[in-house]
Amino acid sequence: MALMATDDAIKLVEKEVYTNKDNFEFLDLFLAHCHDTGEIAREIAEKLSLNSEEAALAGYFHDIGGCFTKDKKCHTFHEIVGARYIESKGVELGIADSQEECDRIAQSLRSHFVVYEQFIMPEYNQWLPGLRDTNPKLLLPSSWNELVIIYAELVNINGKRISFEERIAEIKDRDKKINNPRLKAVEIAETRLFGIKKDLENALQRGEIDTTKYTVV
């Protein structure tokens, strides 16, 4: 099955971002984060003998939903919106040539960061219209493919790589300063997120994955 080439994927992300530029305050930083997440995801997937090209595409597109969310400031539920973009348009756009593969890529990015916690918090009800039919179980990672994207996203910012701990601390500090309700979601999810970090780093250290805890899709 054919997958979109790296250069074409990056061009597609850029096209959607610049078309919807009013949704973004710092376009270059956003695009750098998408690019770096894709590259880190590729590196991790290769080390774990996962499909590295699928992982890279999920990384490049992991925040694409920010182009289309109703919440233009904080991009609430961009994970869900981005996954639906891949599912509905992936074959047409050439991201992958089969719906099955587009669906796998979509799920790889649907569950990243704290979307599950936000989905069940009343503070985010205003952004749920049109998304209420989402199965909450899909917002919690169950595969190594999803763990790769979560980890890759949380070890880079502003064009540079940082530690998982530094990234979580940076997000919490920023959310506290602007009184972002996401801070509550991050605090609720923190134990879960650091569990993912531990599982992924242990797998990288061993050089193999344990499929009794997470699947490979």
N, C-alpha and C. Protein backbone atom coordinates (compact mmCIF):
# COMPACT_ATOMS: atom_id res chain seq x y z
N MET A 1 0.84 -1.21 0.00
CA MET A 1 0.00 0.00 0.00
C MET A 1 0.87 1.25 0.00
N ALA A 2 0.51 2.23 -0.80
CA ALA A 2 1.31 3.44 -0.95
C ALA A 2 0.91 4.49 0.08
N LEU A 3 1.91 5.15 0.62
CA LEU A 3 1.71 6.24 1.57
C LEU A 3 2.24 7.54 0.98
N MET A 4 1.69 8.65 1.41
CA MET A 4 2.14 9.95 0.95
C MET A 4 3.60 10.18 1.34
N ALA A 5 4.36 10.73 0.41
CA ALA A 5 5.76 11.02 0.67
C ALA A 5 5.89 12.15 1.69
N THR A 6 7.01 12.15 2.40
CA THR A 6 7.24 13.14 3.44
C THR A 6 7.06 14.57 2.95
N ASP A 7 7.69 14.90 1.83
CA ASP A 7 7.61 16.28 1.31
C ASP A 7 6.17 16.66 0.99
N ASP A 8 5.41 15.72 0.45
CA ASP A 8 4.02 16.01 0.11
C ASP A 8 3.17 16.18 1.36
N ALA A 9 3.46 15.39 2.38
CA ALA A 9 2.72 15.51 3.63
C ALA A 9 2.96 16.88 4.27
N ILE A 10 4.21 17.29 4.29
CA ILE A 10 4.55 18.59 4.87
C ILE A 10 3.89 19.72 4.07
N LYS A 11 3.89 19.60 2.74
CA LYS A 11 3.24 20.61 1.90
C LYS A 11 1.74 20.68 2.17
N LEU A 12 1.11 19.52 2.39
CA LEU A 12 -0.32 19.49 2.66
C LEU A 12 -0.64 20.14 4.00
N VAL A 13 0.18 19.85 5.01
CA VAL A 13 -0.01 20.51 6.31
C VAL A 13 0.14 22.01 6.16
N GLU A 14 1.18 22.44 5.46
CA GLU A 14 1.40 23.88 5.25
C GLU A 14 0.22 24.51 4.52
N LYS A 15 -0.29 23.83 3.51
CA LYS A 15 -1.42 24.37 2.75
C LYS A 15 -2.63 24.59 3.65
N GLU A 16 -2.96 23.60 4.47
CA GLU A 16 -4.13 23.72 5.34
C GLU A 16 -3.92 24.79 6.41
N VAL A 17 -2.71 24.87 6.93
CA VAL A 17 -2.41 25.86 7.96
C VAL A 17 -2.50 27.28 7.39
N TYR A 18 -1.89 27.52 6.24
CA TYR A 18 -1.92 28.86 5.66
C TYR A 18 -3.31 29.23 5.14
N THR A 19 -4.08 28.24 4.70
CA THR A 19 -5.46 28.50 4.29
C THR A 19 -6.30 28.93 5.48
N ASN A 20 -5.96 28.39 6.65
CA ASN A 20 -6.71 28.69 7.88
C ASN A 20 -5.83 29.45 8.88
N LYS A 21 -5.03 30.37 8.37
CA LYS A 21 -4.03 31.04 9.19
C LYS A 21 -4.62 31.85 10.34
N ASP A 22 -5.88 32.25 10.24
CA ASP A 22 -6.50 33.00 11.34
C ASP A 22 -6.66 32.15 12.59
N ASN A 23 -6.50 30.83 12.45
CA ASN A 23 -6.61 29.94 13.60
C ASN A 23 -5.30 29.85 14.39
N PHE A 24 -4.25 30.48 13.90
CA PHE A 24 -2.93 30.30 14.50
C PHE A 24 -2.26 31.63 14.79
N GLU A 25 -1.62 31.69 15.95
CA GLU A 25 -0.90 32.90 16.33
C GLU A 25 0.52 32.88 15.80
N PHE A 26 1.17 31.71 15.87
CA PHE A 26 2.56 31.59 15.43
C PHE A 26 2.66 30.45 14.41
N LEU A 27 2.48 30.78 13.15
CA LEU A 27 2.43 29.77 12.12
C LEU A 27 3.71 28.95 12.03
N ASP A 28 4.85 29.61 12.02
CA ASP A 28 6.12 28.92 11.84
C ASP A 28 6.40 27.95 12.99
N LEU A 29 6.08 28.34 14.21
CA LEU A 29 6.31 27.46 15.35
C LEU A 29 5.38 26.26 15.31
N PHE A 30 4.15 26.50 14.89
CA PHE A 30 3.19 25.40 14.77
C PHE A 30 3.68 24.39 13.74
N LEU A 31 4.11 24.88 12.59
CA LEU A 31 4.58 23.99 11.53
C LEU A 31 5.84 23.25 11.94
N ALA A 32 6.73 23.92 12.66
CA ALA A 32 7.94 23.26 13.15
C ALA A 32 7.59 22.12 14.09
N HIS A 33 6.59 22.36 14.95
CA HIS A 33 6.17 21.32 15.89
C HIS A 33 5.59 20.12 15.15
N CYS A 34 4.79 20.36 14.12
CA CYS A 34 4.22 19.25 13.33
C CYS A 34 5.34 18.45 12.66
N HIS A 35 6.29 19.16 12.06
CA HIS A 35 7.41 18.50 11.39
C HIS A 35 8.23 17.67 12.37
N ASP A 36 8.58 18.27 13.51
CA ASP A 36 9.43 17.57 14.46
C ASP A 36 8.71 16.37 15.08
N THR A 37 7.42 16.50 15.31
CA THR A 37 6.67 15.37 15.86
C THR A 37 6.68 14.20 14.87
N GLY A 38 6.54 14.50 13.59
CA GLY A 38 6.60 13.46 12.58
C GLY A 38 7.96 12.78 12.52
N GLU A 39 9.02 13.56 12.58
CA GLU A 39 10.37 12.99 12.51
C GLU A 39 10.69 12.15 13.75
N ILE A 40 10.30 12.64 14.91
CA ILE A 40 10.55 11.87 16.14
C ILE A 40 9.73 10.60 16.13
N ALA A 41 8.49 10.68 15.69
CA ALA A 41 7.64 9.49 15.61
C ALA A 41 8.27 8.44 14.68
N ARG A 42 8.83 8.90 13.57
CA ARG A 42 9.49 7.98 12.64
C ARG A 42 10.66 7.27 13.33
N GLU A 43 11.48 8.05 14.03
CA GLU A 43 12.65 7.49 14.71
C GLU A 43 12.25 6.44 15.74
N ILE A 44 11.24 6.76 16.54
CA ILE A 44 10.80 5.83 17.58
C ILE A 44 10.23 4.56 16.96
N ALA A 45 9.38 4.73 15.95
CA ALA A 45 8.75 3.57 15.30
C ALA A 45 9.80 2.64 14.71
N GLU A 46 10.83 3.20 14.11
CA GLU A 46 11.90 2.38 13.54
C GLU A 46 12.58 1.55 14.62
N LYS A 47 12.83 2.16 15.75
CA LYS A 47 13.49 1.45 16.85
C LYS A 47 12.62 0.35 17.43
N LEU A 48 11.30 0.51 17.32
CA LEU A 48 10.37 -0.48 17.88
C LEU A 48 9.82 -1.42 16.82
N SER A 49 10.36 -1.34 15.59
CA SER A 49 9.93 -2.19 14.48
C SER A 49 8.45 -2.03 14.16
N LEU A 50 7.96 -0.80 14.32
CA LEU A 50 6.61 -0.45 13.89
C LEU A 50 6.68 0.16 12.50
N ASN A 51 5.53 0.43 11.91
CA ASN A 51 5.50 1.05 10.58
C ASN A 51 5.92 2.51 10.71
N SER A 52 7.16 2.78 10.36
CA SER A 52 7.72 4.11 10.61
C SER A 52 7.12 5.18 9.70
N GLU A 53 6.71 4.79 8.49
CA GLU A 53 6.14 5.78 7.57
C GLU A 53 4.74 6.18 8.01
N GLU A 54 3.97 5.21 8.49
CA GLU A 54 2.66 5.54 9.05
C GLU A 54 2.81 6.44 10.27
N ALA A 55 3.77 6.10 11.12
CA ALA A 55 4.00 6.89 12.33
C ALA A 55 4.39 8.32 11.98
N ALA A 56 5.25 8.47 10.98
CA ALA A 56 5.67 9.81 10.57
C ALA A 56 4.48 10.63 10.08
N LEU A 57 3.62 10.03 9.27
CA LEU A 57 2.45 10.75 8.77
C LEU A 57 1.51 11.14 9.90
N ALA A 58 1.30 10.23 10.83
CA ALA A 58 0.45 10.55 11.99
C ALA A 58 1.05 11.71 12.78
N GLY A 59 2.39 11.73 12.86
CA GLY A 59 3.06 12.83 13.55
C GLY A 59 2.92 14.16 12.82
N TYR A 60 3.14 14.15 11.51
CA TYR A 60 3.00 15.39 10.73
C TYR A 60 1.59 15.95 10.85
N PHE A 61 0.60 15.06 10.83
CA PHE A 61 -0.80 15.49 10.81
C PHE A 61 -1.45 15.54 12.19
N HIS A 62 -0.68 15.30 13.26
CA HIS A 62 -1.32 15.10 14.57
C HIS A 62 -2.11 16.33 15.04
N ASP A 63 -1.72 17.52 14.63
CA ASP A 63 -2.42 18.74 15.04
C ASP A 63 -3.21 19.39 13.91
N ILE A 64 -3.40 18.68 12.80
CA ILE A 64 -4.07 19.27 11.64
C ILE A 64 -5.49 19.72 11.96
N GLY A 65 -6.10 19.09 12.96
CA GLY A 65 -7.46 19.48 13.34
C GLY A 65 -7.56 20.91 13.83
N GLY A 66 -6.43 21.48 14.23
CA GLY A 66 -6.43 22.87 14.67
C GLY A 66 -6.85 23.83 13.57
N CYS A 67 -6.75 23.38 12.33
CA CYS A 67 -7.17 24.22 11.20
C CYS A 67 -8.69 24.35 11.14
N PHE A 68 -9.40 23.40 11.74
CA PHE A 68 -10.84 23.30 11.50
C PHE A 68 -11.70 23.33 12.76
N THR A 69 -11.10 23.47 13.93
CA THR A 69 -11.88 23.45 15.16
C THR A 69 -12.73 24.71 15.31
N LYS A 70 -13.86 24.57 15.98
CA LYS A 70 -14.71 25.71 16.27
C LYS A 70 -14.02 26.65 17.26
N ASP A 71 -13.22 26.06 18.15
CA ASP A 71 -12.43 26.84 19.11
C ASP A 71 -11.14 27.28 18.41
N LYS A 72 -11.14 28.48 17.89
CA LYS A 72 -10.01 28.96 17.10
C LYS A 72 -8.82 29.40 17.96
N LYS A 73 -9.06 29.56 19.26
CA LYS A 73 -7.99 30.02 20.16
C LYS A 73 -7.18 28.85 20.71
N CYS A 74 -7.87 27.88 21.29
CA CYS A 74 -7.18 26.77 21.96
C CYS A 74 -7.27 25.45 21.20
N HIS A 75 -8.03 25.45 20.11
CA HIS A 75 -8.14 24.25 19.26
C HIS A 75 -8.66 23.04 20.03
N THR A 76 -9.62 23.27 20.91
CA THR A 76 -10.20 22.19 21.70
C THR A 76 -10.76 21.10 20.78
N PHE A 77 -10.42 19.86 21.11
CA PHE A 77 -10.82 18.66 20.37
C PHE A 77 -10.24 18.60 18.96
N HIS A 78 -9.10 19.26 18.77
CA HIS A 78 -8.45 19.17 17.46
C HIS A 78 -8.04 17.73 17.15
N GLU A 79 -7.82 16.93 18.19
CA GLU A 79 -7.45 15.54 17.99
C GLU A 79 -8.56 14.77 17.27
N ILE A 80 -9.80 14.99 17.72
CA ILE A 80 -10.95 14.32 17.12
C ILE A 80 -11.19 14.84 15.71
N VAL A 81 -11.14 16.15 15.58
CA VAL A 81 -11.37 16.77 14.27
C VAL A 81 -10.29 16.34 13.28
N GLY A 82 -9.05 16.27 13.73
CA GLY A 82 -7.96 15.84 12.85
C GLY A 82 -8.11 14.40 12.41
N ALA A 83 -8.52 13.55 13.34
CA ALA A 83 -8.72 12.13 12.99
C ALA A 83 -9.82 12.00 11.95
N ARG A 84 -10.89 12.78 12.10
CA ARG A 84 -11.99 12.71 11.14
C ARG A 84 -11.55 13.24 9.77
N TYR A 85 -10.67 14.21 9.77
CA TYR A 85 -10.12 14.73 8.51
C TYR A 85 -9.38 13.62 7.76
N ILE A 86 -8.54 12.87 8.47
CA ILE A 86 -7.79 11.78 7.86
C ILE A 86 -8.74 10.68 7.38
N GLU A 87 -9.72 10.36 8.21
CA GLU A 87 -10.67 9.29 7.85
C GLU A 87 -11.50 9.65 6.62
N SER A 88 -11.95 10.90 6.57
CA SER A 88 -12.87 11.29 5.49
C SER A 88 -12.17 11.70 4.21
N LYS A 89 -10.96 12.27 4.32
CA LYS A 89 -10.29 12.81 3.14
C LYS A 89 -8.96 12.15 2.82
N GLY A 90 -8.53 11.23 3.66
CA GLY A 90 -7.19 10.66 3.51
C GLY A 90 -6.93 10.00 2.17
N VAL A 91 -7.87 9.18 1.72
CA VAL A 91 -7.68 8.50 0.43
C VAL A 91 -7.71 9.50 -0.71
N GLU A 92 -8.68 10.41 -0.67
CA GLU A 92 -8.81 11.43 -1.72
C GLU A 92 -7.56 12.29 -1.82
N LEU A 93 -6.98 12.63 -0.69
CA LEU A 93 -5.79 13.50 -0.68
C LEU A 93 -4.51 12.73 -0.95
N GLY A 94 -4.59 11.40 -0.92
CA GLY A 94 -3.41 10.59 -1.19
C GLY A 94 -2.54 10.35 0.03
N ILE A 95 -3.08 10.58 1.23
CA ILE A 95 -2.31 10.30 2.45
C ILE A 95 -1.99 8.81 2.51
N ALA A 96 -2.97 8.01 2.15
CA ALA A 96 -2.77 6.57 1.95
C ALA A 96 -3.76 6.14 0.88
N ASP A 97 -3.47 5.00 0.23
CA ASP A 97 -4.36 4.60 -0.87
C ASP A 97 -5.43 3.61 -0.44
N SER A 98 -5.55 3.36 0.86
CA SER A 98 -6.62 2.50 1.35
C SER A 98 -7.29 3.14 2.56
N GLN A 99 -8.59 2.92 2.69
CA GLN A 99 -9.31 3.46 3.82
C GLN A 99 -8.82 2.84 5.12
N GLU A 100 -8.47 1.57 5.07
CA GLU A 100 -7.98 0.89 6.27
C GLU A 100 -6.74 1.58 6.82
N GLU A 101 -5.83 1.93 5.95
CA GLU A 101 -4.60 2.57 6.40
C GLU A 101 -4.88 4.00 6.89
N CYS A 102 -5.77 4.71 6.23
CA CYS A 102 -6.14 6.04 6.70
C CYS A 102 -6.77 5.96 8.09
N ASP A 103 -7.59 4.95 8.31
CA ASP A 103 -8.22 4.78 9.62
C ASP A 103 -7.18 4.50 10.70
N ARG A 104 -6.15 3.73 10.37
CA ARG A 104 -5.09 3.45 11.34
C ARG A 104 -4.33 4.73 11.70
N ILE A 105 -4.01 5.51 10.68
CA ILE A 105 -3.30 6.76 10.92
C ILE A 105 -4.16 7.70 11.76
N ALA A 106 -5.45 7.75 11.43
CA ALA A 106 -6.37 8.62 12.17
C ALA A 106 -6.41 8.24 13.65
N GLN A 107 -6.51 6.94 13.93
CA GLN A 107 -6.56 6.53 15.33
C GLN A 107 -5.24 6.77 16.04
N SER A 108 -4.14 6.71 15.31
CA SER A 108 -2.84 6.97 15.92
C SER A 108 -2.74 8.38 16.49
N LEU A 109 -3.49 9.33 15.90
CA LEU A 109 -3.41 10.70 16.39
C LEU A 109 -4.65 11.13 17.19
N ARG A 110 -5.72 10.33 17.16
CA ARG A 110 -6.97 10.74 17.80
C ARG A 110 -6.83 10.87 19.32
N SER A 111 -5.98 10.07 19.92
CA SER A 111 -5.94 9.98 21.38
C SER A 111 -4.80 10.76 22.03
N HIS A 112 -4.14 11.63 21.26
CA HIS A 112 -2.95 12.23 21.86
C HIS A 112 -3.28 13.31 22.90
N PHE A 113 -2.38 13.41 23.84
CA PHE A 113 -2.41 14.35 24.97
C PHE A 113 -3.62 14.13 25.88
N VAL A 114 -4.44 15.15 26.16
CA VAL A 114 -5.46 15.04 27.21
C VAL A 114 -6.88 15.13 26.65
N VAL A 115 -7.07 14.71 25.41
CA VAL A 115 -8.39 14.82 24.78
C VAL A 115 -9.45 14.03 25.55
N TYR A 116 -9.08 12.88 26.11
CA TYR A 116 -10.07 12.09 26.86
C TYR A 116 -10.58 12.87 28.06
N GLU A 117 -9.66 13.43 28.82
CA GLU A 117 -10.05 14.18 30.02
C GLU A 117 -10.90 15.39 29.65
N GLN A 118 -10.54 16.08 28.59
CA GLN A 118 -11.32 17.23 28.15
C GLN A 118 -12.72 16.82 27.70
N PHE A 119 -12.81 15.68 27.04
CA PHE A 119 -14.08 15.22 26.49
C PHE A 119 -15.12 14.99 27.59
N ILE A 120 -14.68 14.59 28.77
CA ILE A 120 -15.63 14.28 29.84
C ILE A 120 -15.74 15.41 30.88
N MET A 121 -15.03 16.52 30.65
CA MET A 121 -15.10 17.65 31.57
C MET A 121 -16.21 18.62 31.15
N PRO A 122 -17.07 19.04 32.09
CA PRO A 122 -18.16 19.97 31.73
C PRO A 122 -17.66 21.30 31.19
N GLU A 123 -16.43 21.68 31.53
CA GLU A 123 -15.87 22.94 31.05
C GLU A 123 -15.77 22.99 29.53
N TYR A 124 -15.82 21.84 28.89
CA TYR A 124 -15.64 21.78 27.43
C TYR A 124 -16.92 21.45 26.67
N ASN A 125 -18.04 21.44 27.37
CA ASN A 125 -19.31 21.09 26.71
C ASN A 125 -19.65 22.00 25.53
N GLN A 126 -19.21 23.26 25.61
CA GLN A 126 -19.55 24.20 24.54
C GLN A 126 -18.95 23.81 23.19
N TRP A 127 -17.89 22.98 23.22
CA TRP A 127 -17.22 22.60 21.99
C TRP A 127 -17.62 21.20 21.51
N LEU A 128 -18.58 20.57 22.20
CA LEU A 128 -18.97 19.21 21.85
C LEU A 128 -19.98 19.07 20.70
N PRO A 129 -20.82 20.07 20.42
CA PRO A 129 -21.76 19.91 19.30
C PRO A 129 -21.05 19.46 18.03
N GLY A 130 -21.60 18.40 17.44
CA GLY A 130 -21.00 17.82 16.24
C GLY A 130 -19.99 16.73 16.54
N LEU A 131 -19.60 16.61 17.82
CA LEU A 131 -18.59 15.61 18.20
C LEU A 131 -19.10 14.64 19.25
N ARG A 132 -20.34 14.80 19.67
CA ARG A 132 -20.87 14.00 20.77
C ARG A 132 -20.96 12.51 20.44
N ASP A 133 -20.96 12.18 19.16
CA ASP A 133 -21.04 10.77 18.78
C ASP A 133 -19.70 10.06 18.87
N THR A 134 -18.65 10.78 19.30
CA THR A 134 -17.33 10.17 19.47
C THR A 134 -17.38 9.12 20.56
N ASN A 135 -16.80 7.98 20.31
CA ASN A 135 -16.68 6.93 21.33
C ASN A 135 -15.53 7.30 22.26
N PRO A 136 -15.82 7.58 23.54
CA PRO A 136 -14.74 8.00 24.46
C PRO A 136 -13.61 6.98 24.56
N LYS A 137 -13.91 5.70 24.33
CA LYS A 137 -12.87 4.68 24.42
C LYS A 137 -11.77 4.91 23.39
N LEU A 138 -12.13 5.54 22.27
CA LEU A 138 -11.13 5.82 21.23
C LEU A 138 -10.20 6.96 21.61
N LEU A 139 -10.51 7.65 22.69
CA LEU A 139 -9.70 8.79 23.13
C LEU A 139 -8.65 8.39 24.16
N LEU A 140 -8.64 7.12 24.51
CA LEU A 140 -7.59 6.59 25.38
C LEU A 140 -6.73 5.64 24.55
N PRO A 141 -5.43 5.81 24.54
CA PRO A 141 -4.57 4.98 23.69
C PRO A 141 -4.59 3.51 24.09
N SER A 142 -4.70 2.66 23.09
CA SER A 142 -4.67 1.22 23.34
C SER A 142 -3.61 0.52 22.48
N SER A 143 -2.92 1.28 21.65
CA SER A 143 -1.91 0.68 20.77
C SER A 143 -0.57 1.40 20.92
N TRP A 144 0.48 0.69 20.53
CA TRP A 144 1.81 1.29 20.54
C TRP A 144 1.89 2.43 19.53
N ASN A 145 1.14 2.32 18.45
CA ASN A 145 1.12 3.39 17.45
C ASN A 145 0.69 4.72 18.08
N GLU A 146 -0.31 4.65 18.96
CA GLU A 146 -0.79 5.86 19.62
C GLU A 146 0.21 6.38 20.63
N LEU A 147 0.86 5.45 21.35
CA LEU A 147 1.87 5.87 22.33
C LEU A 147 3.00 6.63 21.66
N VAL A 148 3.38 6.17 20.48
CA VAL A 148 4.48 6.83 19.75
C VAL A 148 4.14 8.29 19.48
N ILE A 149 2.91 8.57 19.04
CA ILE A 149 2.52 9.95 18.73
C ILE A 149 2.43 10.79 20.00
N ILE A 150 1.87 10.24 21.05
CA ILE A 150 1.78 10.97 22.32
C ILE A 150 3.17 11.37 22.79
N TYR A 151 4.09 10.41 22.77
CA TYR A 151 5.44 10.67 23.26
C TYR A 151 6.17 11.66 22.34
N ALA A 152 6.07 11.43 21.03
CA ALA A 152 6.77 12.30 20.08
C ALA A 152 6.31 13.74 20.21
N GLU A 153 5.01 13.94 20.44
CA GLU A 153 4.48 15.29 20.56
C GLU A 153 4.98 15.98 21.82
N LEU A 154 5.23 15.21 22.85
CA LEU A 154 5.57 15.79 24.15
C LEU A 154 7.06 15.85 24.43
N VAL A 155 7.87 15.70 23.39
CA VAL A 155 9.32 15.87 23.59
C VAL A 155 9.89 16.89 22.60
N ASN A 156 9.03 17.79 22.10
CA ASN A 156 9.55 18.87 21.26
C ASN A 156 8.64 20.08 21.37
N ILE A 157 9.23 21.24 21.18
CA ILE A 157 8.48 22.50 21.19
C ILE A 157 9.33 23.58 20.52
N ASN A 158 8.67 24.44 19.74
CA ASN A 158 9.35 25.60 19.14
C ASN A 158 10.60 25.23 18.37
N GLY A 159 10.56 24.09 17.69
CA GLY A 159 11.68 23.70 16.85
C GLY A 159 12.84 23.07 17.58
N LYS A 160 12.67 22.71 18.84
CA LYS A 160 13.75 22.06 19.57
C LYS A 160 13.20 20.90 20.39
N ARG A 161 14.07 19.96 20.67
CA ARG A 161 13.68 18.79 21.45
C ARG A 161 13.95 19.06 22.93
N ILE A 162 12.99 18.67 23.75
CA ILE A 162 13.13 18.82 25.19
C ILE A 162 12.65 17.52 25.85
N SER A 163 12.83 17.44 27.15
CA SER A 163 12.40 16.23 27.84
C SER A 163 10.88 16.23 28.03
N PHE A 164 10.34 15.05 28.21
CA PHE A 164 8.91 14.87 28.47
C PHE A 164 8.52 15.68 29.70
N GLU A 165 9.34 15.62 30.74
CA GLU A 165 9.05 16.35 31.98
C GLU A 165 9.02 17.85 31.76
N GLU A 166 9.98 18.36 30.99
CA GLU A 166 10.03 19.79 30.71
C GLU A 166 8.80 20.25 29.94
N ARG A 167 8.37 19.42 28.99
CA ARG A 167 7.21 19.79 28.16
C ARG A 167 5.93 19.86 28.99
N ILE A 168 5.72 18.87 29.85
CA ILE A 168 4.54 18.88 30.71
C ILE A 168 4.58 20.09 31.64
N ALA A 169 5.74 20.37 32.20
CA ALA A 169 5.87 21.52 33.10
C ALA A 169 5.60 22.83 32.35
N GLU A 170 6.09 22.93 31.12
CA GLU A 170 5.88 24.13 30.32
C GLU A 170 4.40 24.34 30.02
N ILE A 171 3.71 23.27 29.68
CA ILE A 171 2.28 23.35 29.38
C ILE A 171 1.50 23.78 30.62
N LYS A 172 1.81 23.18 31.75
CA LYS A 172 1.10 23.51 33.00
C LYS A 172 1.34 24.97 33.39
N ASP A 173 2.58 25.41 33.25
CA ASP A 173 2.90 26.80 33.61
C ASP A 173 2.17 27.78 32.70
N ARG A 174 2.16 27.48 31.40
CA ARG A 174 1.49 28.35 30.44
C ARG A 174 -0.02 28.38 30.68
N ASP A 175 -0.60 27.23 30.93
CA ASP A 175 -2.04 27.17 31.16
C ASP A 175 -2.44 27.88 32.46
N LYS A 176 -1.58 27.79 33.46
CA LYS A 176 -1.86 28.47 34.73
C LYS A 176 -1.86 29.98 34.55
N LYS A 177 -0.91 30.48 33.77
CA LYS A 177 -0.79 31.92 33.57
C LYS A 177 -1.99 32.50 32.85
N ILE A 178 -2.59 31.75 31.94
CA ILE A 178 -3.72 32.29 31.18
C ILE A 178 -5.06 31.73 31.66
N ASN A 179 -5.01 31.01 32.78
CA ASN A 179 -6.23 30.45 33.37
C ASN A 179 -6.97 29.54 32.39
N ASN A 180 -6.22 28.69 31.72
CA ASN A 180 -6.77 27.77 30.73
C ASN A 180 -7.33 26.55 31.46
N PRO A 181 -8.60 26.19 31.23
CA PRO A 181 -9.16 25.02 31.91
C PRO A 181 -8.43 23.73 31.56
N ARG A 182 -7.60 23.75 30.51
CA ARG A 182 -6.83 22.56 30.17
C ARG A 182 -5.90 22.16 31.31
N LEU A 183 -5.51 23.12 32.16
CA LEU A 183 -4.63 22.80 33.28
C LEU A 183 -5.24 21.70 34.14
N LYS A 184 -6.54 21.79 34.38
CA LYS A 184 -7.22 20.76 35.17
C LYS A 184 -7.13 19.41 34.48
N ALA A 185 -7.32 19.41 33.17
CA ALA A 185 -7.24 18.16 32.41
C ALA A 185 -5.83 17.57 32.48
N VAL A 186 -4.82 18.42 32.39
CA VAL A 186 -3.44 17.95 32.45
C VAL A 186 -3.15 17.36 33.83
N GLU A 187 -3.60 18.01 34.87
CA GLU A 187 -3.36 17.51 36.23
C GLU A 187 -4.05 16.17 36.45
N ILE A 188 -5.25 16.02 35.89
CA ILE A 188 -5.95 14.74 36.00
C ILE A 188 -5.22 13.65 35.22
N ALA A 189 -4.70 14.02 34.06
CA ALA A 189 -4.08 13.05 33.15
C ALA A 189 -2.61 12.77 33.46
N GLU A 190 -2.02 13.53 34.34
CA GLU A 190 -0.56 13.48 34.51
C GLU A 190 -0.04 12.08 34.82
N THR A 191 -0.69 11.38 35.74
CA THR A 191 -0.24 10.02 36.08
C THR A 191 -0.33 9.11 34.87
N ARG A 192 -1.41 9.23 34.10
CA ARG A 192 -1.58 8.44 32.88
C ARG A 192 -0.49 8.75 31.87
N LEU A 193 -0.19 10.03 31.68
CA LEU A 193 0.81 10.42 30.70
C LEU A 193 2.20 9.93 31.08
N PHE A 194 2.54 10.03 32.35
CA PHE A 194 3.87 9.56 32.76
C PHE A 194 3.95 8.03 32.74
N GLY A 195 2.80 7.37 32.86
CA GLY A 195 2.79 5.92 32.67
C GLY A 195 3.10 5.56 31.24
N ILE A 196 2.56 6.33 30.29
CA ILE A 196 2.86 6.13 28.87
C ILE A 196 4.34 6.36 28.61
N LYS A 197 4.88 7.43 29.19
CA LYS A 197 6.30 7.72 29.04
C LYS A 197 7.14 6.54 29.52
N LYS A 198 6.80 6.02 30.68
CA LYS A 198 7.56 4.90 31.25
C LYS A 198 7.47 3.67 30.36
N ASP A 199 6.27 3.34 29.90
CA ASP A 199 6.09 2.16 29.05
C ASP A 199 6.88 2.29 27.76
N LEU A 200 6.83 3.47 27.14
CA LEU A 200 7.51 3.65 25.86
C LEU A 200 9.02 3.64 26.04
N GLU A 201 9.52 4.32 27.05
CA GLU A 201 10.96 4.36 27.26
C GLU A 201 11.51 2.99 27.65
N ASN A 202 10.72 2.21 28.40
CA ASN A 202 11.14 0.84 28.73
C ASN A 202 11.23 -0.01 27.46
N ALA A 203 10.27 0.18 26.56
CA ALA A 203 10.29 -0.56 25.30
C ALA A 203 11.51 -0.17 24.46
N LEU A 204 11.82 1.12 24.44
CA LEU A 204 12.99 1.58 23.69
C LEU A 204 14.28 1.02 24.28
N GLN A 205 14.32 0.94 25.59
CA GLN A 205 15.51 0.40 26.26
C GLN A 205 15.68 -1.08 25.95
N ARG A 206 14.57 -1.81 25.91
CA ARG A 206 14.62 -3.25 25.61
C ARG A 206 14.79 -3.49 24.11
N GLY A 207 14.33 -2.53 23.30
CA GLY A 207 14.37 -2.71 21.86
C GLY A 207 13.23 -3.55 21.32
N GLU A 208 12.18 -3.71 22.12
CA GLU A 208 11.02 -4.48 21.69
C GLU A 208 9.79 -4.05 22.47
N ILE A 209 8.62 -4.32 21.92
CA ILE A 209 7.37 -3.93 22.56
C ILE A 209 6.69 -5.12 23.20
N ASP A 210 5.88 -4.82 24.20
CA ASP A 210 5.09 -5.84 24.90
C ASP A 210 3.65 -5.72 24.42
N THR A 211 3.20 -6.68 23.64
CA THR A 211 1.85 -6.60 23.07
C THR A 211 0.77 -7.09 24.03
N THR A 212 1.14 -7.45 25.26
CA THR A 212 0.11 -7.85 26.24
C THR A 212 -0.55 -6.63 26.86
N LYS A 213 0.09 -5.47 26.75
CA LYS A 213 -0.48 -4.25 27.33
C LYS A 213 -1.07 -3.34 26.27
N TYR A 214 -0.37 -3.20 25.14
CA TYR A 214 -0.85 -2.38 24.02
C TYR A 214 -0.75 -3.22 22.74
N THR A 215 -1.65 -2.95 21.83
CA THR A 215 -1.65 -3.68 20.58
C THR A 215 -0.80 -2.97 19.53
N VAL A 216 -0.61 -3.60 18.40
CA VAL A 216 -0.03 -2.97 17.22
C VAL A 216 -1.11 -2.99 16.15
N VAL A 217 -1.45 -1.82 15.62
CA VAL A 217 -2.54 -1.76 14.63
C VAL A 217 -1.98 -1.55 13.23
